[in-house]
Amino acid sequence: MQSQPPSPQAPKVRLQIALAACSNARMSISLAEARTIIETPKRLIDIRDWHVKPNRETRAALYVYEARVRLAQSIPRGIWFRAHVFPAYPDTAKFQLDCEQPGTRAHLPLYRLEWRPVIPHTNGFAGPPELQGLFIPRGRTHEHICFDHAVEHEGRLRAGGVECARPIEPDFQTFSEALGRACAMLSIENCGEIPKPHDQGVFVL
């Protein structure tokens, strides 16, 4: 008996299930759902300027860019693309895709790229063997993706989402190159519409 070809509705159904998991604070996201969210072509909507926000981690203000995401024909409430730039460190940036958990102030990150970060990072002892316990010094560009922080045989993400990091070589020379890498990893199609933080003028901090 011949197997039937996959239904054209199947990818749409998988996406709907993944988006439902992302927007429900009581549900966890499976590895398959996270993969669907990351790999589905997407566009940023409601493009706005960067704004200033205090940062407890470094005790310095930072520029923040946030945009909602359209995946296929869906505009889920809880999925956001975010970027951070520190005025005191012009060659440093962070780019992230996350799920906003309803009813809480928490975000579940699925991907994060840190371009020349101002603080070091040390991986824990979960994840791929080659990354376990890896120390990444300050200033070394690296990326976190939820696939490296998953329990493969159980098909689920570990708590925390993207704690495990991979160094990126060679490094990016410009903000635009680093942003381009993040957009490529996340299948964001309108990367060029994101305004450069320095195009917003001088912020009064």
Protein backbone atom coordinates (compact mmCIF):
# COMPACT_ATOMS: atom_id res chain seq x y z
CA MET A 1 0.00 0.00 0.00
CA GLN A 2 1.43 3.35 -1.05
CA SER A 3 1.95 5.98 1.61
CA GLN A 4 -0.07 9.14 1.21
CA PRO A 5 1.75 12.42 0.47
CA PRO A 6 1.82 14.83 3.42
CA SER A 7 -1.17 17.13 3.64
CA PRO A 8 -0.48 20.72 2.55
CA GLN A 9 -2.19 21.73 5.78
CA ALA A 10 0.35 19.87 7.93
CA PRO A 11 2.97 22.69 8.17
CA LYS A 12 0.21 25.20 8.97
CA VAL A 13 -1.17 22.96 11.71
CA ARG A 14 2.32 22.47 13.20
CA LEU A 15 2.82 26.24 13.23
CA GLN A 16 -0.54 26.83 14.93
CA ILE A 17 0.32 24.30 17.63
CA ALA A 18 3.76 25.86 18.17
CA LEU A 19 2.34 29.37 18.44
CA ALA A 20 -0.30 28.19 20.90
CA ALA A 21 2.42 26.69 23.10
CA CYS A 22 4.46 29.89 22.96
CA SER A 23 1.53 32.07 24.05
CA ASN A 24 0.36 29.83 26.92
CA ALA A 25 2.22 30.32 30.18
CA ARG A 26 1.15 26.89 31.45
CA MET A 27 2.51 24.97 28.46
CA SER A 28 6.09 24.07 27.68
CA ILE A 29 7.47 24.28 24.16
CA SER A 30 8.61 21.04 22.60
CA LEU A 31 11.77 20.80 20.54
CA ALA A 32 9.69 20.33 17.39
CA GLU A 33 7.59 23.40 18.19
CA ALA A 34 10.68 25.51 18.82
CA ARG A 35 12.17 24.34 15.52
CA THR A 36 8.95 25.29 13.70
CA ILE A 37 8.98 28.79 15.21
CA ILE A 38 12.64 29.40 14.37
CA GLU A 39 12.65 27.94 10.85
CA THR A 40 9.33 29.38 9.58
CA PRO A 41 9.97 32.44 7.35
CA LYS A 42 8.99 35.56 9.25
CA ARG A 43 8.76 39.32 9.00
CA LEU A 44 9.01 42.00 11.65
CA ILE A 45 5.95 44.24 11.87
CA ASP A 46 5.17 47.61 13.41
CA ILE A 47 8.76 48.80 12.90
CA ARG A 48 9.57 51.50 15.46
CA ASP A 49 12.56 53.49 16.69
CA TRP A 50 14.96 52.36 19.37
CA HIS A 51 14.29 53.56 22.91
CA VAL A 52 16.35 53.96 26.08
CA LYS A 53 16.01 51.54 28.98
CA PRO A 54 18.00 51.18 32.24
CA ASN A 55 19.92 47.93 32.58
CA ARG A 56 20.55 46.26 35.95
CA GLU A 57 23.20 43.91 34.57
CA THR A 58 25.78 46.61 33.77
CA ARG A 59 24.20 49.58 35.59
CA ALA A 60 24.30 51.48 32.29
CA ALA A 61 21.49 52.58 30.03
CA LEU A 62 21.00 50.75 26.76
CA TYR A 63 19.19 51.24 23.48
CA VAL A 64 16.39 48.70 23.00
CA TYR A 65 14.65 47.70 19.78
CA GLU A 66 11.54 45.50 19.93
CA ALA A 67 9.24 44.27 17.18
CA ARG A 68 6.43 41.76 16.91
CA VAL A 69 6.82 38.95 14.41
CA ARG A 70 4.59 37.68 11.63
CA LEU A 71 5.05 33.98 10.83
CA ALA A 72 3.39 32.90 7.58
CA GLN A 73 -0.01 34.63 7.87
CA SER A 74 -0.11 34.59 11.68
CA ILE A 75 0.76 37.44 14.03
CA PRO A 76 1.13 35.72 17.41
CA ARG A 77 0.83 37.91 20.46
CA GLY A 78 3.77 36.42 22.31
CA ILE A 79 6.70 36.21 19.85
CA TRP A 80 9.14 39.14 19.77
CA PHE A 81 12.45 40.04 18.18
CA ARG A 82 14.58 42.23 20.43
CA ALA A 83 17.95 43.94 20.12
CA HIS A 84 20.09 45.77 22.70
CA VAL A 85 22.98 48.18 22.14
CA PHE A 86 25.01 49.82 24.92
CA PRO A 87 25.84 53.51 24.33
CA ALA A 88 29.05 53.13 26.34
CA TYR A 89 30.14 50.15 24.18
CA PRO A 90 29.31 51.03 20.54
CA ASP A 91 30.71 47.77 19.14
CA THR A 92 28.51 45.56 21.32
CA ALA A 93 24.99 44.26 20.62
CA LYS A 94 22.54 41.53 21.55
CA PHE A 95 19.81 40.06 19.30
CA GLN A 96 17.10 37.73 20.58
CA LEU A 97 13.91 35.91 19.58
CA ASP A 98 11.68 35.04 22.52
CA CYS A 99 8.22 34.05 23.66
CA GLU A 100 6.52 36.41 26.07
CA GLN A 101 4.83 34.37 28.78
CA PRO A 102 1.28 35.70 29.45
CA GLY A 103 0.53 36.82 32.97
CA THR A 104 4.21 37.08 33.89
CA ARG A 105 7.17 39.36 33.22
CA ALA A 106 9.20 36.41 31.95
CA HIS A 107 10.38 35.70 28.41
CA LEU A 108 11.36 32.30 27.08
CA PRO A 109 14.33 32.91 24.75
CA LEU A 110 14.68 30.63 21.74
CA TYR A 111 17.74 32.28 20.16
CA ARG A 112 20.25 34.93 21.20
CA LEU A 113 23.36 36.30 19.49
CA GLU A 114 25.78 38.31 21.60
CA TRP A 115 28.18 40.42 19.57
CA ARG A 116 31.32 41.28 21.56
CA PRO A 117 29.52 41.09 24.93
CA VAL A 118 30.75 43.13 27.89
CA ILE A 119 30.58 40.19 30.31
CA PRO A 120 31.95 36.63 29.98
CA HIS A 121 29.80 33.51 29.78
CA THR A 122 30.30 29.95 31.04
CA ASN A 123 28.20 27.06 29.79
CA GLY A 124 26.71 24.60 32.21
CA PHE A 125 27.09 20.85 31.91
CA ALA A 126 23.95 20.22 29.88
CA GLY A 127 23.97 20.27 26.11
CA PRO A 128 26.35 18.97 23.44
CA PRO A 129 29.54 17.45 24.93
CA GLU A 130 31.83 19.86 23.07
CA LEU A 131 30.07 22.85 24.68
CA GLN A 132 29.75 21.62 28.26
CA GLY A 133 31.59 23.83 30.74
CA LEU A 134 32.97 26.03 27.95
CA PHE A 135 34.20 29.44 29.11
CA ILE A 136 33.65 32.30 26.66
CA PRO A 137 35.61 35.43 27.62
CA ARG A 138 34.32 38.97 27.52
CA GLY A 139 34.27 40.37 24.00
CA ARG A 140 34.04 37.02 22.19
CA THR A 141 31.00 36.83 19.94
CA HIS A 142 28.76 33.81 20.46
CA GLU A 143 25.22 32.61 19.93
CA HIS A 144 22.72 30.61 21.96
CA ILE A 145 20.08 28.46 20.30
CA CYS A 146 17.50 26.33 22.03
CA PHE A 147 18.46 23.23 20.02
CA ASP A 148 21.69 23.11 22.06
CA HIS A 149 19.69 23.28 25.28
CA ALA A 150 17.30 20.41 24.64
CA VAL A 151 16.77 16.85 25.78
CA GLU A 152 16.76 15.24 22.35
CA HIS A 153 15.38 11.82 23.29
CA GLU A 154 12.50 13.46 25.16
CA GLY A 155 11.87 16.06 22.48
CA ARG A 156 11.79 18.99 24.91
CA LEU A 157 13.70 22.12 25.81
CA ARG A 158 15.44 22.37 29.14
CA ALA A 159 14.38 25.12 31.53
CA GLY A 160 15.98 28.43 30.65
CA GLY A 161 15.74 28.03 26.90
CA VAL A 162 19.19 29.07 25.60
CA GLU A 163 21.81 28.81 28.36
CA CYS A 164 24.33 26.92 26.20
CA ALA A 165 26.45 29.08 23.86
CA ARG A 166 28.64 28.50 20.79
CA PRO A 167 31.51 30.85 19.83
CA ILE A 168 31.30 32.34 16.34
CA GLU A 169 34.39 32.52 14.16
CA PRO A 170 35.33 34.67 12.37
CA ASP A 171 33.84 37.56 14.27
CA PHE A 172 31.62 40.20 12.67
CA GLN A 173 33.21 43.55 11.98
CA THR A 174 30.04 45.64 12.03
CA PHE A 175 26.65 45.85 13.69
CA SER A 176 25.01 45.16 10.31
CA GLU A 177 26.97 41.92 9.85
CA ALA A 178 25.98 40.67 13.30
CA LEU A 179 22.34 41.63 12.72
CA GLY A 180 22.43 39.87 9.35
CA ARG A 181 23.60 36.66 11.00
CA ALA A 182 20.78 36.77 13.56
CA CYS A 183 18.18 37.43 10.87
CA ALA A 184 19.52 34.58 8.72
CA MET A 185 19.42 32.14 11.64
CA LEU A 186 15.84 33.18 12.39
CA SER A 187 14.61 33.37 8.77
CA ILE A 188 13.67 37.05 9.15
CA GLU A 189 13.03 38.39 5.66
CA ASN A 190 12.96 42.17 6.26
CA CYS A 191 16.17 42.59 8.23
CA GLY A 192 17.02 45.74 6.24
CA GLU A 193 14.02 47.59 7.68
CA ILE A 194 15.47 47.59 11.20
CA PRO A 195 16.85 51.10 11.81
CA LYS A 196 20.44 51.39 12.93
CA PRO A 197 20.63 52.60 16.54
CA HIS A 198 22.98 55.45 15.62
CA ASP A 199 20.49 56.69 13.01
CA GLN A 200 18.13 57.59 15.84
CA GLY A 201 20.18 60.59 16.90
CA VAL A 202 21.84 61.22 20.26
CA PHE A 203 19.93 59.92 23.27
CA VAL A 204 19.93 62.00 26.44
CA LEU A 205 20.75 59.51 29.21
